[in-house]
Structure formats: C-alpha cells, structure tokens
Amino acid sequence: MKCNVGNADRALRIIAGLVLIILAATGTVGLWGWIGVIPLLTGIFRFCPAYPLLGINTDSKK
C-alpha cells in the first residue's frame, strides 16, 4: 500500500472520524455514526482504497 492521503486530508479524516465515533458513543447520533471508523483508519494508515480507483492522490510525496 502506497500512501495516497496527504497531511491536510489526513487531519480532516482523523478529526471527522473521531467526532462521528464520539457522537455515536454518546448516543447523539444513531448507529450510523460508527462509520467514522473508516475515515479514522484511512487517516491513520494514510491509505484510502477508493483513491487509486478514482485516480486521486493527495500525498505530495510521489
């Protein structure tokens, strides 16, 4: 897996994922909030499986 998620993209993914998980854990949103695990993991591992399919790479290091 090559890194294809840049720093700004990574930060947004991690923040959005954590917010969704916290909202789901506190019961503010329904079970769909646990989908925040996906952006959190893609931010942590710096790889998004959809990006190669779409031809996107936000990582500045190529």
N, C-alpha and C. Protein backbone atom coordinates (compact mmCIF):
# COMPACT_ATOMS: atom_id res chain seq x y z
N MET A 1 0.83 -1.17 0.00
CA MET A 1 0.00 0.00 0.00
C MET A 1 0.88 1.24 0.00
N LYS A 2 0.73 2.04 -1.02
CA LYS A 2 1.43 3.31 -1.07
C LYS A 2 0.57 4.36 -0.39
N CYS A 3 1.23 5.29 0.27
CA CYS A 3 0.50 6.38 0.90
C CYS A 3 -0.13 7.24 -0.20
N ASN A 4 -1.42 7.49 -0.08
CA ASN A 4 -2.08 8.34 -1.06
C ASN A 4 -2.96 9.40 -0.40
N VAL A 5 -2.78 9.58 0.91
CA VAL A 5 -3.53 10.58 1.67
C VAL A 5 -2.54 11.60 2.20
N GLY A 6 -2.71 12.86 1.82
CA GLY A 6 -1.82 13.94 2.26
C GLY A 6 -2.10 14.39 3.68
N ASN A 7 -1.29 15.33 4.15
CA ASN A 7 -1.38 15.78 5.54
C ASN A 7 -2.72 16.45 5.87
N ALA A 8 -3.16 17.37 5.03
CA ALA A 8 -4.43 18.06 5.30
C ALA A 8 -5.59 17.07 5.22
N ASP A 9 -5.58 16.23 4.23
CA ASP A 9 -6.61 15.21 4.05
C ASP A 9 -6.61 14.27 5.26
N ARG A 10 -5.43 13.90 5.72
CA ARG A 10 -5.28 13.00 6.85
C ARG A 10 -5.87 13.62 8.12
N ALA A 11 -5.55 14.88 8.36
CA ALA A 11 -6.05 15.55 9.56
C ALA A 11 -7.58 15.64 9.54
N LEU A 12 -8.14 15.99 8.39
CA LEU A 12 -9.60 16.08 8.29
C LEU A 12 -10.26 14.73 8.50
N ARG A 13 -9.68 13.68 7.96
CA ARG A 13 -10.23 12.34 8.12
C ARG A 13 -10.21 11.90 9.59
N ILE A 14 -9.09 12.15 10.26
CA ILE A 14 -8.96 11.74 11.66
C ILE A 14 -9.94 12.51 12.54
N ILE A 15 -10.03 13.82 12.34
CA ILE A 15 -10.94 14.64 13.14
C ILE A 15 -12.39 14.24 12.89
N ALA A 16 -12.78 14.10 11.62
CA ALA A 16 -14.16 13.73 11.29
C ALA A 16 -14.49 12.35 11.85
N GLY A 17 -13.56 11.41 11.73
CA GLY A 17 -13.78 10.07 12.25
C GLY A 17 -13.97 10.07 13.76
N LEU A 18 -13.12 10.80 14.47
CA LEU A 18 -13.23 10.86 15.92
C LEU A 18 -14.53 11.52 16.36
N VAL A 19 -14.92 12.58 15.68
CA VAL A 19 -16.17 13.26 16.01
C VAL A 19 -17.36 12.32 15.83
N LEU A 20 -17.40 11.62 14.71
CA LEU A 20 -18.51 10.69 14.47
C LEU A 20 -18.54 9.57 15.51
N ILE A 21 -17.38 9.03 15.85
CA ILE A 21 -17.32 7.95 16.84
C ILE A 21 -17.77 8.44 18.21
N ILE A 22 -17.33 9.63 18.59
CA ILE A 22 -17.74 10.19 19.89
C ILE A 22 -19.24 10.44 19.92
N LEU A 23 -19.78 10.99 18.83
CA LEU A 23 -21.22 11.24 18.77
C LEU A 23 -22.01 9.93 18.84
N ALA A 24 -21.51 8.90 18.20
CA ALA A 24 -22.18 7.60 18.24
C ALA A 24 -22.08 6.97 19.64
N ALA A 25 -20.93 7.11 20.27
CA ALA A 25 -20.73 6.53 21.59
C ALA A 25 -21.58 7.21 22.65
N THR A 26 -21.84 8.49 22.49
CA THR A 26 -22.65 9.22 23.47
C THR A 26 -24.14 9.13 23.17
N GLY A 27 -24.50 8.55 22.04
CA GLY A 27 -25.90 8.40 21.68
C GLY A 27 -26.50 9.62 21.02
N THR A 28 -25.68 10.59 20.66
CA THR A 28 -26.17 11.79 19.99
C THR A 28 -26.68 11.47 18.59
N VAL A 29 -25.99 10.60 17.91
CA VAL A 29 -26.42 10.13 16.60
C VAL A 29 -26.66 8.62 16.71
N GLY A 30 -27.28 8.06 15.73
CA GLY A 30 -27.57 6.63 15.75
C GLY A 30 -26.34 5.79 15.48
N LEU A 31 -26.62 4.53 15.18
CA LEU A 31 -25.53 3.59 14.90
C LEU A 31 -24.71 3.97 13.68
N TRP A 32 -25.30 4.75 12.77
CA TRP A 32 -24.57 5.14 11.56
C TRP A 32 -23.31 5.95 11.91
N GLY A 33 -23.25 6.53 13.07
CA GLY A 33 -22.07 7.31 13.47
C GLY A 33 -20.81 6.48 13.57
N TRP A 34 -20.98 5.17 13.76
CA TRP A 34 -19.80 4.30 13.84
C TRP A 34 -19.08 4.16 12.51
N ILE A 35 -19.68 4.69 11.46
CA ILE A 35 -18.99 4.70 10.16
C ILE A 35 -17.75 5.59 10.22
N GLY A 36 -17.64 6.37 11.28
CA GLY A 36 -16.46 7.21 11.50
C GLY A 36 -15.18 6.40 11.64
N VAL A 37 -15.31 5.10 11.87
CA VAL A 37 -14.13 4.24 11.96
C VAL A 37 -13.39 4.22 10.62
N ILE A 38 -14.12 4.30 9.53
CA ILE A 38 -13.50 4.24 8.20
C ILE A 38 -12.58 5.44 7.94
N PRO A 39 -13.07 6.69 8.07
CA PRO A 39 -12.15 7.80 7.85
C PRO A 39 -11.02 7.84 8.88
N LEU A 40 -11.30 7.39 10.11
CA LEU A 40 -10.25 7.36 11.12
C LEU A 40 -9.12 6.42 10.70
N LEU A 41 -9.46 5.22 10.27
CA LEU A 41 -8.44 4.26 9.86
C LEU A 41 -7.71 4.68 8.59
N THR A 42 -8.44 5.25 7.63
CA THR A 42 -7.76 5.70 6.40
C THR A 42 -6.83 6.87 6.70
N GLY A 43 -7.17 7.67 7.69
CA GLY A 43 -6.28 8.76 8.09
C GLY A 43 -5.05 8.26 8.82
N ILE A 44 -5.25 7.28 9.68
CA ILE A 44 -4.12 6.72 10.44
C ILE A 44 -3.15 6.00 9.52
N PHE A 45 -3.67 5.18 8.61
CA PHE A 45 -2.80 4.39 7.74
C PHE A 45 -2.38 5.13 6.48
N ARG A 46 -2.92 6.34 6.25
CA ARG A 46 -2.57 7.18 5.11
C ARG A 46 -2.84 6.50 3.77
N PHE A 47 -3.83 5.64 3.74
CA PHE A 47 -4.20 4.96 2.50
C PHE A 47 -5.71 4.89 2.40
N CYS A 48 -6.24 5.34 1.28
CA CYS A 48 -7.66 5.25 1.01
C CYS A 48 -7.84 4.31 -0.19
N PRO A 49 -8.54 3.19 -0.02
CA PRO A 49 -8.70 2.24 -1.11
C PRO A 49 -9.48 2.79 -2.30
N ALA A 50 -10.29 3.80 -2.10
CA ALA A 50 -11.06 4.38 -3.20
C ALA A 50 -10.20 5.30 -4.08
N TYR A 51 -9.17 5.89 -3.52
CA TYR A 51 -8.35 6.84 -4.28
C TYR A 51 -7.70 6.24 -5.53
N PRO A 52 -7.08 5.06 -5.47
CA PRO A 52 -6.49 4.50 -6.69
C PRO A 52 -7.54 4.23 -7.77
N LEU A 53 -8.72 3.82 -7.37
CA LEU A 53 -9.78 3.54 -8.32
C LEU A 53 -10.23 4.82 -9.04
N LEU A 54 -10.17 5.94 -8.30
CA LEU A 54 -10.59 7.23 -8.86
C LEU A 54 -9.43 8.03 -9.43
N GLY A 55 -8.21 7.54 -9.29
CA GLY A 55 -7.04 8.24 -9.80
C GLY A 55 -6.67 9.46 -8.98
N ILE A 56 -6.95 9.44 -7.68
CA ILE A 56 -6.67 10.56 -6.80
C ILE A 56 -5.48 10.24 -5.92
N ASN A 57 -4.64 11.25 -5.68
CA ASN A 57 -3.52 11.12 -4.75
C ASN A 57 -3.28 12.50 -4.14
N THR A 58 -3.57 12.66 -2.83
CA THR A 58 -3.38 13.95 -2.19
C THR A 58 -2.04 14.04 -1.47
N ASP A 59 -1.26 12.97 -1.50
CA ASP A 59 0.06 12.97 -0.87
C ASP A 59 1.04 13.72 -1.77
N SER A 60 1.78 14.66 -1.21
CA SER A 60 2.70 15.46 -2.00
C SER A 60 3.96 14.67 -2.40
N LYS A 61 4.27 13.62 -1.65
CA LYS A 61 5.44 12.78 -1.97
C LYS A 61 5.02 11.70 -2.97
N LYS A 62 5.59 11.75 -4.14
CA LYS A 62 5.21 10.76 -5.16
C LYS A 62 6.36 9.88 -5.53
